Amino acid sequence: MPKRRPAYWPASTRRCPPARGSVRARATDRDRRLQRIWRTTVHHLDAGAVSAPAAALLAAVARALLPWYATPNPPPAAAAPHYLVPQDGADGPLLPPTDAGEALLPDLTALFAALAAPRSSGTAALTPPAVPWAVQYTGRFRHYGRPAHDVWTADTFHCPGCGRADGPWTAACDWHLITLGCSCGHATHEHDLAFSEVWLLLPDS
């Protein structure tokens, strides 16, 4: 005998009320995706295998997404890279703007898809021109290593001329090399620092 359909929907198929914390869970998921984009961008930027215009674009994306470098998953080790979070006066650090970050995702997806697409003959490049820059900075630069999972090392760069570590420095870049100039007059590009280890510490100019 064929089974009769029930005259009501079983409890397992009824629409359930929204679970508590679902808004927070969605926000965390969005933040995690933005953090993944930030880490992937920095990885490709530091690899040094992209053109100068592409490096300029990746650097701009890394700067824009900097509030997500430690959100929602902060670096697990004390020696891991840390960056200053913008301050909002007396209210303390700014929280990552989740909604604004979510709004960035479709544009970023379209942008990277367009950059990856083959360029038609006779059309201009999509990447912006790579303009050399120079910025003054006072503070320390550190080169980070990761010899094992969740194990980080941090080596402070010292001026080869005078041994100073705190600057003031003049960081100059042509999008191929970063040169660090010390106030003693010594300048070098043989500092073993990754691009992000310099760029993400510099003030906006």
N, C-alpha and C. Protein backbone atom coordinates (compact mmCIF):
# COMPACT_ATOMS: atom_id res chain seq x y z
N MET A 1 0.85 -1.19 0.00
CA MET A 1 0.00 0.00 0.00
C MET A 1 0.89 1.25 0.00
N PRO A 2 0.64 2.21 -0.93
CA PRO A 2 1.48 3.42 -0.94
C PRO A 2 1.25 4.24 0.31
N LYS A 3 2.35 4.89 0.75
CA LYS A 3 2.26 5.71 1.94
C LYS A 3 1.54 7.01 1.63
N ARG A 4 0.72 7.41 2.55
CA ARG A 4 -0.02 8.67 2.40
C ARG A 4 0.87 9.83 2.82
N ARG A 5 0.77 10.91 2.09
CA ARG A 5 1.50 12.12 2.49
C ARG A 5 0.89 12.70 3.75
N PRO A 6 1.70 13.20 4.63
CA PRO A 6 1.14 13.81 5.84
C PRO A 6 0.38 15.08 5.51
N ALA A 7 -0.60 15.37 6.29
CA ALA A 7 -1.43 16.57 6.07
C ALA A 7 -0.75 17.83 6.57
N TYR A 8 0.44 17.73 7.08
CA TYR A 8 1.18 18.89 7.58
C TYR A 8 2.65 18.69 7.22
N TRP A 9 3.42 19.77 7.27
CA TRP A 9 4.84 19.67 7.00
C TRP A 9 5.54 19.12 8.24
N PRO A 10 6.39 18.13 8.10
CA PRO A 10 7.14 17.65 9.27
C PRO A 10 7.96 18.77 9.88
N ALA A 11 8.24 18.60 11.16
CA ALA A 11 8.99 19.65 11.87
C ALA A 11 10.34 19.89 11.23
N SER A 12 10.96 18.86 10.63
CA SER A 12 12.30 19.01 10.06
C SER A 12 12.31 19.89 8.82
N THR A 13 11.15 20.10 8.19
CA THR A 13 11.10 20.91 6.97
C THR A 13 10.48 22.27 7.21
N ARG A 14 10.05 22.56 8.40
CA ARG A 14 9.48 23.87 8.65
C ARG A 14 10.57 24.93 8.67
N ARG A 15 10.22 26.14 8.31
CA ARG A 15 11.16 27.25 8.34
C ARG A 15 11.48 27.58 9.79
N CYS A 16 12.75 27.50 10.13
CA CYS A 16 13.18 27.76 11.50
C CYS A 16 13.45 29.25 11.68
N PRO A 17 13.25 29.76 12.87
CA PRO A 17 13.60 31.15 13.12
C PRO A 17 15.10 31.34 13.02
N PRO A 18 15.56 32.53 12.67
CA PRO A 18 17.01 32.77 12.56
C PRO A 18 17.73 32.40 13.84
N ALA A 19 18.83 31.68 13.69
CA ALA A 19 19.59 31.28 14.87
C ALA A 19 20.27 32.49 15.49
N ARG A 20 20.41 32.42 16.80
CA ARG A 20 21.10 33.50 17.49
C ARG A 20 22.56 33.53 17.03
N GLY A 21 23.05 34.73 16.90
CA GLY A 21 24.43 34.87 16.47
C GLY A 21 24.64 34.75 14.98
N SER A 22 23.57 34.59 14.21
CA SER A 22 23.75 34.42 12.76
C SER A 22 24.31 35.68 12.12
N VAL A 23 23.91 36.85 12.60
CA VAL A 23 24.44 38.10 12.05
C VAL A 23 25.93 38.19 12.33
N ARG A 24 26.31 37.85 13.55
CA ARG A 24 27.73 37.86 13.90
C ARG A 24 28.50 36.83 13.07
N ALA A 25 27.90 35.67 12.87
CA ALA A 25 28.57 34.63 12.08
C ALA A 25 28.80 35.11 10.65
N ARG A 26 27.80 35.77 10.08
CA ARG A 26 27.97 36.27 8.71
C ARG A 26 29.04 37.36 8.66
N ALA A 27 29.06 38.21 9.69
CA ALA A 27 30.08 39.26 9.72
C ALA A 27 31.47 38.65 9.84
N THR A 28 31.60 37.61 10.68
CA THR A 28 32.90 36.95 10.83
C THR A 28 33.32 36.29 9.53
N ASP A 29 32.37 35.71 8.82
CA ASP A 29 32.68 35.08 7.54
C ASP A 29 33.16 36.11 6.53
N ARG A 30 32.51 37.27 6.49
CA ARG A 30 32.95 38.33 5.58
C ARG A 30 34.34 38.83 5.96
N ASP A 31 34.57 39.02 7.26
CA ASP A 31 35.89 39.48 7.70
C ASP A 31 36.96 38.45 7.36
N ARG A 32 36.62 37.18 7.50
CA ARG A 32 37.59 36.12 7.19
C ARG A 32 37.95 36.14 5.70
N ARG A 33 36.98 36.39 4.84
CA ARG A 33 37.26 36.46 3.40
C ARG A 33 38.15 37.66 3.08
N LEU A 34 37.87 38.79 3.73
CA LEU A 34 38.70 39.96 3.50
C LEU A 34 40.11 39.74 4.03
N GLN A 35 40.22 39.07 5.17
CA GLN A 35 41.54 38.76 5.70
C GLN A 35 42.31 37.84 4.76
N ARG A 36 41.60 36.89 4.15
CA ARG A 36 42.24 36.00 3.19
C ARG A 36 42.72 36.77 1.97
N ILE A 37 41.92 37.73 1.51
CA ILE A 37 42.34 38.56 0.38
C ILE A 37 43.58 39.36 0.76
N TRP A 38 43.59 39.92 1.97
CA TRP A 38 44.75 40.72 2.41
C TRP A 38 46.00 39.85 2.43
N ARG A 39 45.91 38.67 3.01
CA ARG A 39 47.09 37.81 3.13
C ARG A 39 47.57 37.33 1.76
N THR A 40 46.63 37.03 0.86
CA THR A 40 47.02 36.61 -0.48
C THR A 40 47.68 37.77 -1.23
N THR A 41 47.14 38.97 -1.07
CA THR A 41 47.72 40.15 -1.72
C THR A 41 49.14 40.38 -1.24
N VAL A 42 49.36 40.33 0.07
CA VAL A 42 50.70 40.55 0.62
C VAL A 42 51.65 39.44 0.16
N HIS A 43 51.16 38.21 0.09
CA HIS A 43 52.00 37.10 -0.36
C HIS A 43 52.51 37.35 -1.78
N HIS A 44 51.63 37.73 -2.69
CA HIS A 44 52.04 37.98 -4.07
C HIS A 44 52.91 39.24 -4.17
N LEU A 45 52.60 40.24 -3.35
CA LEU A 45 53.39 41.47 -3.36
C LEU A 45 54.82 41.20 -2.92
N ASP A 46 54.98 40.41 -1.85
CA ASP A 46 56.32 40.14 -1.33
C ASP A 46 57.09 39.14 -2.18
N ALA A 47 56.38 38.37 -3.01
CA ALA A 47 57.08 37.40 -3.85
C ALA A 47 57.94 38.08 -4.91
N GLY A 48 57.58 39.33 -5.27
CA GLY A 48 58.39 40.09 -6.21
C GLY A 48 58.35 39.56 -7.63
N ALA A 49 57.30 38.81 -7.98
CA ALA A 49 57.24 38.21 -9.31
C ALA A 49 56.21 38.88 -10.20
N VAL A 50 55.76 40.08 -9.83
CA VAL A 50 54.77 40.79 -10.64
C VAL A 50 55.41 42.04 -11.24
N SER A 51 54.75 42.59 -12.24
CA SER A 51 55.26 43.79 -12.89
C SER A 51 55.14 44.99 -11.95
N ALA A 52 55.82 46.07 -12.30
CA ALA A 52 55.76 47.27 -11.47
C ALA A 52 54.34 47.82 -11.35
N PRO A 53 53.56 47.93 -12.44
CA PRO A 53 52.18 48.40 -12.29
C PRO A 53 51.33 47.48 -11.41
N ALA A 54 51.52 46.16 -11.56
CA ALA A 54 50.76 45.23 -10.73
C ALA A 54 51.17 45.35 -9.27
N ALA A 55 52.46 45.57 -9.01
CA ALA A 55 52.91 45.76 -7.63
C ALA A 55 52.29 47.01 -7.02
N ALA A 56 52.17 48.08 -7.80
CA ALA A 56 51.55 49.29 -7.30
C ALA A 56 50.08 49.05 -6.95
N LEU A 57 49.40 48.26 -7.77
CA LEU A 57 48.00 47.95 -7.51
C LEU A 57 47.86 47.07 -6.27
N LEU A 58 48.69 46.04 -6.15
CA LEU A 58 48.62 45.16 -4.98
C LEU A 58 48.95 45.93 -3.71
N ALA A 59 49.89 46.86 -3.79
CA ALA A 59 50.24 47.66 -2.62
C ALA A 59 49.07 48.52 -2.16
N ALA A 60 48.33 49.07 -3.12
CA ALA A 60 47.16 49.87 -2.77
C ALA A 60 46.08 49.00 -2.12
N VAL A 61 45.88 47.78 -2.63
CA VAL A 61 44.89 46.87 -2.03
C VAL A 61 45.33 46.48 -0.62
N ALA A 62 46.60 46.17 -0.44
CA ALA A 62 47.10 45.79 0.88
C ALA A 62 46.91 46.93 1.88
N ARG A 63 47.14 48.16 1.44
CA ARG A 63 46.95 49.32 2.33
C ARG A 63 45.48 49.48 2.69
N ALA A 64 44.59 49.32 1.71
CA ALA A 64 43.16 49.50 1.95
C ALA A 64 42.60 48.45 2.90
N LEU A 65 43.13 47.24 2.82
CA LEU A 65 42.61 46.15 3.64
C LEU A 65 43.42 45.92 4.91
N LEU A 66 44.31 46.83 5.24
CA LEU A 66 45.17 46.67 6.42
C LEU A 66 44.39 46.43 7.71
N PRO A 67 43.21 47.06 7.94
CA PRO A 67 42.49 46.77 9.20
C PRO A 67 42.14 45.30 9.39
N TRP A 68 42.20 44.50 8.34
CA TRP A 68 41.83 43.09 8.47
C TRP A 68 43.04 42.17 8.66
N TYR A 69 44.23 42.72 8.83
CA TYR A 69 45.39 41.83 8.91
C TYR A 69 45.30 40.91 10.14
N ALA A 70 44.65 41.38 11.20
CA ALA A 70 44.54 40.57 12.42
C ALA A 70 43.10 40.24 12.78
N THR A 71 42.16 40.45 11.87
CA THR A 71 40.75 40.21 12.15
C THR A 71 40.14 39.33 11.05
N PRO A 72 39.48 38.23 11.42
CA PRO A 72 39.15 37.81 12.78
C PRO A 72 40.20 36.94 13.45
N ASN A 73 41.25 36.55 12.72
CA ASN A 73 42.27 35.65 13.27
C ASN A 73 43.57 36.42 13.46
N PRO A 74 43.89 36.83 14.69
CA PRO A 74 45.13 37.57 14.91
C PRO A 74 46.35 36.67 14.78
N PRO A 75 47.53 37.26 14.54
CA PRO A 75 48.75 36.44 14.48
C PRO A 75 48.93 35.67 15.79
N PRO A 76 49.21 34.37 15.72
CA PRO A 76 49.25 33.55 16.94
C PRO A 76 50.50 33.74 17.77
N ALA A 77 51.56 34.28 17.19
CA ALA A 77 52.84 34.38 17.91
C ALA A 77 53.20 35.83 18.15
N ALA A 78 53.87 36.07 19.26
CA ALA A 78 54.24 37.45 19.62
C ALA A 78 55.22 38.04 18.61
N ALA A 79 56.02 37.21 17.98
CA ALA A 79 57.03 37.71 17.02
C ALA A 79 56.48 37.87 15.62
N ALA A 80 55.20 37.54 15.41
CA ALA A 80 54.61 37.68 14.08
C ALA A 80 54.45 39.16 13.73
N PRO A 81 54.31 39.51 12.45
CA PRO A 81 54.16 40.93 12.08
C PRO A 81 52.95 41.57 12.74
N HIS A 82 53.13 42.80 13.20
CA HIS A 82 52.03 43.58 13.77
C HIS A 82 52.06 44.97 13.15
N TYR A 83 50.88 45.51 12.90
CA TYR A 83 50.75 46.82 12.28
C TYR A 83 49.83 47.68 13.11
N LEU A 84 50.03 48.98 13.05
CA LEU A 84 49.21 49.90 13.81
C LEU A 84 47.81 49.95 13.22
N VAL A 85 46.82 49.91 14.11
CA VAL A 85 45.42 50.05 13.70
C VAL A 85 45.03 51.51 13.83
N PRO A 86 44.38 52.12 12.84
CA PRO A 86 44.00 53.53 12.94
C PRO A 86 43.19 53.80 14.20
N GLN A 87 43.47 54.92 14.83
CA GLN A 87 42.80 55.31 16.06
C GLN A 87 41.63 56.25 15.76
N ASP A 88 40.62 56.16 16.59
CA ASP A 88 39.43 56.99 16.42
C ASP A 88 39.25 57.86 17.66
N GLY A 89 40.25 58.69 17.91
CA GLY A 89 40.18 59.62 19.04
C GLY A 89 40.09 58.88 20.35
N ALA A 90 39.17 59.31 21.22
CA ALA A 90 39.04 58.73 22.55
C ALA A 90 38.29 57.41 22.53
N ASP A 91 37.72 57.04 21.39
CA ASP A 91 36.94 55.81 21.33
C ASP A 91 37.80 54.57 21.11
N GLY A 92 39.10 54.75 20.98
CA GLY A 92 39.97 53.60 20.82
C GLY A 92 40.12 53.20 19.36
N PRO A 93 40.66 51.98 19.13
CA PRO A 93 40.92 51.54 17.75
C PRO A 93 39.63 51.42 16.94
N LEU A 94 39.75 51.71 15.67
CA LEU A 94 38.63 51.52 14.77
C LEU A 94 38.42 50.03 14.52
N LEU A 95 37.20 49.58 14.58
CA LEU A 95 36.89 48.21 14.23
C LEU A 95 36.81 48.07 12.72
N PRO A 96 37.20 46.91 12.18
CA PRO A 96 37.11 46.74 10.73
C PRO A 96 35.68 47.01 10.25
N PRO A 97 35.50 47.88 9.27
CA PRO A 97 34.14 48.19 8.78
C PRO A 97 33.61 47.04 7.93
N THR A 98 32.96 46.08 8.58
CA THR A 98 32.54 44.86 7.90
C THR A 98 31.66 45.15 6.69
N ASP A 99 30.67 46.00 6.86
CA ASP A 99 29.76 46.28 5.75
C ASP A 99 30.49 46.93 4.59
N ALA A 100 31.39 47.85 4.91
CA ALA A 100 32.16 48.49 3.84
C ALA A 100 33.08 47.47 3.17
N GLY A 101 33.64 46.56 3.95
CA GLY A 101 34.48 45.52 3.38
C GLY A 101 33.70 44.58 2.48
N GLU A 102 32.51 44.24 2.88
CA GLU A 102 31.66 43.40 2.05
C GLU A 102 31.37 44.09 0.71
N ALA A 103 31.17 45.40 0.75
CA ALA A 103 30.90 46.14 -0.48
C ALA A 103 32.11 46.13 -1.42
N LEU A 104 33.31 45.94 -0.87
CA LEU A 104 34.51 45.91 -1.71
C LEU A 104 34.62 44.62 -2.52
N LEU A 105 34.06 43.53 -2.01
CA LEU A 105 34.31 42.23 -2.61
C LEU A 105 33.90 42.13 -4.08
N PRO A 106 32.68 42.55 -4.48
CA PRO A 106 32.34 42.43 -5.91
C PRO A 106 33.27 43.23 -6.81
N ASP A 107 33.64 44.44 -6.37
CA ASP A 107 34.53 45.26 -7.18
C ASP A 107 35.92 44.62 -7.30
N LEU A 108 36.41 44.05 -6.18
CA LEU A 108 37.71 43.40 -6.23
C LEU A 108 37.68 42.19 -7.14
N THR A 109 36.60 41.41 -7.06
CA THR A 109 36.47 40.24 -7.92
C THR A 109 36.49 40.65 -9.40
N ALA A 110 35.71 41.69 -9.72
CA ALA A 110 35.68 42.15 -11.11
C ALA A 110 37.04 42.70 -11.54
N LEU A 111 37.71 43.41 -10.62
CA LEU A 111 39.00 44.00 -10.95
C LEU A 111 40.03 42.93 -11.26
N PHE A 112 40.16 41.92 -10.39
CA PHE A 112 41.17 40.89 -10.61
C PHE A 112 40.82 40.02 -11.82
N ALA A 113 39.51 39.82 -12.07
CA ALA A 113 39.11 39.08 -13.27
C ALA A 113 39.51 39.84 -14.53
N ALA A 114 39.34 41.16 -14.51
CA ALA A 114 39.73 41.97 -15.67
C ALA A 114 41.24 41.98 -15.86
N LEU A 115 41.98 42.02 -14.76
CA LEU A 115 43.44 42.02 -14.88
C LEU A 115 43.96 40.69 -15.40
N ALA A 116 43.26 39.60 -15.05
CA ALA A 116 43.71 38.27 -15.49
C ALA A 116 43.32 37.98 -16.93
N ALA A 117 42.35 38.71 -17.46
CA ALA A 117 41.88 38.45 -18.81
C ALA A 117 42.92 38.91 -19.83
N PRO A 118 43.04 38.22 -20.96
CA PRO A 118 44.00 38.65 -22.00
C PRO A 118 43.60 40.01 -22.56
N ARG A 119 44.60 40.85 -22.80
CA ARG A 119 44.34 42.20 -23.29
C ARG A 119 44.20 42.19 -24.81
N SER A 120 43.18 42.85 -25.27
CA SER A 120 42.97 42.95 -26.72
C SER A 120 44.02 43.88 -27.33
N SER A 121 44.38 43.60 -28.57
CA SER A 121 45.38 44.43 -29.23
C SER A 121 44.85 45.85 -29.42
N GLY A 122 45.73 46.81 -29.19
CA GLY A 122 45.35 48.21 -29.38
C GLY A 122 44.68 48.84 -28.18
N THR A 123 44.55 48.11 -27.06
CA THR A 123 43.93 48.67 -25.86
C THR A 123 45.00 48.99 -24.84
N ALA A 124 44.68 49.92 -23.96
CA ALA A 124 45.64 50.33 -22.93
C ALA A 124 45.60 49.37 -21.76
N ALA A 125 46.69 49.32 -21.01
CA ALA A 125 46.75 48.46 -19.83
C ALA A 125 45.78 48.97 -18.76
N LEU A 126 45.24 48.03 -17.98
CA LEU A 126 44.28 48.41 -16.94
C LEU A 126 44.96 48.88 -15.66
N THR A 127 46.18 48.43 -15.44
CA THR A 127 46.86 48.80 -14.21
C THR A 127 47.34 50.25 -14.28
N PRO A 128 47.33 50.95 -13.15
CA PRO A 128 47.76 52.35 -13.15
C PRO A 128 49.26 52.45 -13.34
N PRO A 129 49.76 53.61 -13.74
CA PRO A 129 51.21 53.77 -13.88
C PRO A 129 51.90 53.64 -12.53
N ALA A 130 53.08 53.04 -12.53
CA ALA A 130 53.85 52.86 -11.31
C ALA A 130 54.76 54.07 -11.12
N VAL A 131 54.39 54.98 -10.25
CA VAL A 131 55.13 56.21 -10.03
C VAL A 131 56.09 56.02 -8.86
N PRO A 132 57.39 56.28 -9.05
CA PRO A 132 58.33 56.16 -7.93
C PRO A 132 57.93 57.09 -6.78
N TRP A 133 58.30 56.72 -5.57
CA TRP A 133 57.94 57.52 -4.40
C TRP A 133 59.06 57.47 -3.37
N ALA A 134 59.02 58.42 -2.46
CA ALA A 134 59.96 58.48 -1.34
C ALA A 134 59.21 59.02 -0.13
N VAL A 135 59.38 58.36 1.02
CA VAL A 135 58.65 58.71 2.24
C VAL A 135 59.61 58.73 3.41
N GLN A 136 59.43 59.71 4.30
CA GLN A 136 60.21 59.78 5.52
C GLN A 136 59.55 58.92 6.61
N TYR A 137 60.39 58.21 7.37
CA TYR A 137 59.85 57.35 8.42
C TYR A 137 60.83 57.27 9.58
N THR A 138 60.30 57.38 10.79
CA THR A 138 61.10 57.21 11.99
C THR A 138 60.56 56.01 12.76
N GLY A 139 61.39 55.03 12.94
CA GLY A 139 60.97 53.79 13.60
C GLY A 139 61.81 52.64 13.09
N ARG A 140 61.47 51.45 13.52
CA ARG A 140 62.24 50.26 13.18
C ARG A 140 61.57 49.45 12.07
N PHE A 141 62.41 48.86 11.23
CA PHE A 141 61.95 47.89 10.24
C PHE A 141 62.41 46.51 10.68
N ARG A 142 61.52 45.55 10.61
CA ARG A 142 61.86 44.19 11.01
C ARG A 142 61.56 43.21 9.87
N HIS A 143 62.48 42.28 9.70
CA HIS A 143 62.29 41.20 8.74
C HIS A 143 61.82 39.96 9.49
N TYR A 144 60.70 39.38 9.02
CA TYR A 144 60.09 38.26 9.73
C TYR A 144 60.35 36.96 8.99
N GLY A 145 60.64 35.94 9.76
CA GLY A 145 60.80 34.60 9.22
C GLY A 145 59.81 33.66 9.90
N ARG A 146 59.54 32.55 9.25
CA ARG A 146 58.61 31.56 9.79
C ARG A 146 59.21 30.18 9.61
N PRO A 147 60.13 29.80 10.49
CA PRO A 147 60.81 28.50 10.32
C PRO A 147 59.91 27.29 10.54
N ALA A 148 58.81 27.46 11.27
CA ALA A 148 57.89 26.35 11.53
C ALA A 148 56.50 26.90 11.74
N HIS A 149 55.50 26.04 11.77
CA HIS A 149 54.12 26.47 11.94
C HIS A 149 53.96 27.17 13.28
N ASP A 150 53.40 28.39 13.23
CA ASP A 150 53.17 29.22 14.41
C ASP A 150 54.46 29.62 15.12
N VAL A 151 55.58 29.51 14.42
CA VAL A 151 56.87 29.95 14.97
C VAL A 151 57.41 31.05 14.08
N TRP A 152 57.63 32.22 14.66
CA TRP A 152 58.11 33.36 13.91
C TRP A 152 59.41 33.88 14.50
N THR A 153 60.24 34.44 13.63
CA THR A 153 61.44 35.16 14.06
C THR A 153 61.35 36.59 13.55
N ALA A 154 61.98 37.51 14.25
CA ALA A 154 61.94 38.92 13.85
C ALA A 154 63.34 39.50 14.02
N ASP A 155 63.93 39.97 12.91
CA ASP A 155 65.26 40.57 12.92
C ASP A 155 65.14 42.05 12.56
N THR A 156 65.66 42.91 13.42
CA THR A 156 65.60 44.36 13.20
C THR A 156 66.70 44.78 12.24
N PHE A 157 66.35 45.60 11.27
CA PHE A 157 67.33 46.12 10.32
C PHE A 157 68.10 47.27 10.96
N HIS A 158 69.42 47.24 10.80
CA HIS A 158 70.30 48.31 11.28
C HIS A 158 71.04 48.92 10.09
N CYS A 159 71.27 50.21 10.16
CA CYS A 159 72.00 50.89 9.10
C CYS A 159 73.41 50.30 9.00
N PRO A 160 73.84 49.86 7.81
CA PRO A 160 75.20 49.32 7.67
C PRO A 160 76.28 50.37 7.91
N GLY A 161 75.91 51.65 7.80
CA GLY A 161 76.92 52.69 7.99
C GLY A 161 77.17 53.06 9.43
N CYS A 162 76.09 53.27 10.21
CA CYS A 162 76.25 53.73 11.59
C CYS A 162 75.64 52.79 12.61
N GLY A 163 74.93 51.77 12.17
CA GLY A 163 74.34 50.82 13.10
C GLY A 163 73.02 51.25 13.71
N ARG A 164 72.52 52.41 13.29
CA ARG A 164 71.26 52.92 13.85
C ARG A 164 70.09 52.05 13.39
N ALA A 165 69.08 51.90 14.28
CA ALA A 165 67.92 51.07 13.96
C ALA A 165 66.63 51.87 13.91
N ASP A 166 66.58 53.02 14.54
CA ASP A 166 65.33 53.77 14.66
C ASP A 166 65.18 54.90 13.65
N GLY A 167 66.12 55.05 12.75
CA GLY A 167 66.00 56.12 11.76
C GLY A 167 66.43 57.47 12.33
N PRO A 168 65.96 58.54 11.72
CA PRO A 168 64.96 58.61 10.64
C PRO A 168 65.48 58.07 9.31
N TRP A 169 64.55 57.46 8.56
CA TRP A 169 64.87 56.85 7.27
C TRP A 169 64.17 57.60 6.14
N THR A 170 64.76 57.48 4.97
CA THR A 170 64.08 57.85 3.73
C THR A 170 63.90 56.59 2.92
N ALA A 171 62.65 56.16 2.82
CA ALA A 171 62.34 54.95 2.05
C ALA A 171 61.95 55.38 0.64
N ALA A 172 62.72 54.95 -0.34
CA ALA A 172 62.46 55.30 -1.74
C ALA A 172 62.23 54.03 -2.54
N CYS A 173 61.30 54.08 -3.49
CA CYS A 173 60.93 52.88 -4.24
C CYS A 173 60.63 53.24 -5.68
N ASP A 174 61.14 52.42 -6.61
CA ASP A 174 60.80 52.56 -8.03
C ASP A 174 59.92 51.39 -8.48
N TRP A 175 59.36 50.65 -7.53
CA TRP A 175 58.49 49.49 -7.75
C TRP A 175 59.26 48.28 -8.24
N HIS A 176 60.59 48.38 -8.20
CA HIS A 176 61.45 47.22 -8.42
C HIS A 176 62.28 46.94 -7.17
N LEU A 177 62.81 48.02 -6.59
CA LEU A 177 63.61 47.93 -5.38
C LEU A 177 63.21 49.02 -4.40
N ILE A 178 63.32 48.71 -3.11
CA ILE A 178 63.15 49.71 -2.06
C ILE A 178 64.52 50.03 -1.49
N THR A 179 64.86 51.31 -1.47
CA THR A 179 66.12 51.76 -0.91
C THR A 179 65.85 52.49 0.39
N LEU A 180 66.61 52.13 1.42
CA LEU A 180 66.50 52.79 2.72
C LEU A 180 67.72 53.68 2.92
N GLY A 181 67.45 54.98 3.09
CA GLY A 181 68.51 55.94 3.33
C GLY A 181 68.51 56.40 4.78
N CYS A 182 69.64 56.32 5.44
CA CYS A 182 69.77 56.73 6.84
C CYS A 182 70.19 58.20 6.90
N SER A 183 69.91 58.83 8.03
CA SER A 183 70.29 60.23 8.19
C SER A 183 71.79 60.43 8.24
N CYS A 184 72.54 59.32 8.40
CA CYS A 184 74.01 59.43 8.39
C CYS A 184 74.53 59.57 6.97
N GLY A 185 73.68 59.37 5.98
CA GLY A 185 74.09 59.50 4.59
C GLY A 185 74.23 58.17 3.86
N HIS A 186 74.14 57.07 4.58
CA HIS A 186 74.28 55.76 3.95
C HIS A 186 72.91 55.30 3.42
N ALA A 187 72.91 54.74 2.23
CA ALA A 187 71.68 54.24 1.61
C ALA A 187 71.95 52.85 1.03
N THR A 188 70.97 51.96 1.16
CA THR A 188 71.15 50.60 0.67
C THR A 188 69.81 49.99 0.28
N HIS A 189 69.87 49.08 -0.70
CA HIS A 189 68.69 48.28 -1.02
C HIS A 189 68.92 46.83 -0.63
N GLU A 190 70.06 46.54 -0.02
CA GLU A 190 70.38 45.18 0.44
C GLU A 190 70.02 45.05 1.91
N HIS A 191 68.73 45.12 2.19
CA HIS A 191 68.26 45.09 3.58
C HIS A 191 67.48 43.83 3.91
N ASP A 192 67.21 42.98 2.92
CA ASP A 192 66.49 41.71 3.12
C ASP A 192 65.06 41.90 3.63
N LEU A 193 64.52 43.10 3.53
CA LEU A 193 63.14 43.34 3.96
C LEU A 193 62.19 43.07 2.81
N ALA A 194 61.06 42.43 3.13
CA ALA A 194 60.02 42.25 2.13
C ALA A 194 59.33 43.59 1.89
N PHE A 195 58.65 43.69 0.75
CA PHE A 195 58.00 44.95 0.42
C PHE A 195 57.00 45.36 1.49
N SER A 196 56.17 44.42 1.95
CA SER A 196 55.15 44.76 2.95
C SER A 196 55.77 45.16 4.28
N GLU A 197 56.98 44.68 4.58
CA GLU A 197 57.63 45.02 5.84
C GLU A 197 58.10 46.47 5.88
N VAL A 198 58.12 47.10 4.73
CA VAL A 198 58.41 48.54 4.65
C VAL A 198 57.13 49.32 4.37
N TRP A 199 56.43 48.93 3.33
CA TRP A 199 55.28 49.69 2.84
C TRP A 199 54.19 49.86 3.88
N LEU A 200 53.87 48.80 4.60
CA LEU A 200 52.74 48.85 5.52
C LEU A 200 53.05 49.57 6.83
N LEU A 201 54.30 49.97 7.01
CA LEU A 201 54.67 50.76 8.18
C LEU A 201 54.70 52.25 7.88
N LEU A 202 54.78 52.61 6.61
CA LEU A 202 54.96 54.01 6.24
C LEU A 202 53.66 54.77 6.39
N PRO A 203 53.76 56.07 6.73
CA PRO A 203 52.54 56.89 6.82
C PRO A 203 51.96 57.15 5.44
N ASP A 204 50.66 57.39 5.39
CA ASP A 204 50.04 57.77 4.12
C ASP A 204 50.62 59.07 3.64
N SER A 205 50.87 59.12 2.34
CA SER A 205 51.46 60.34 1.77
C SER A 205 50.62 60.82 0.61
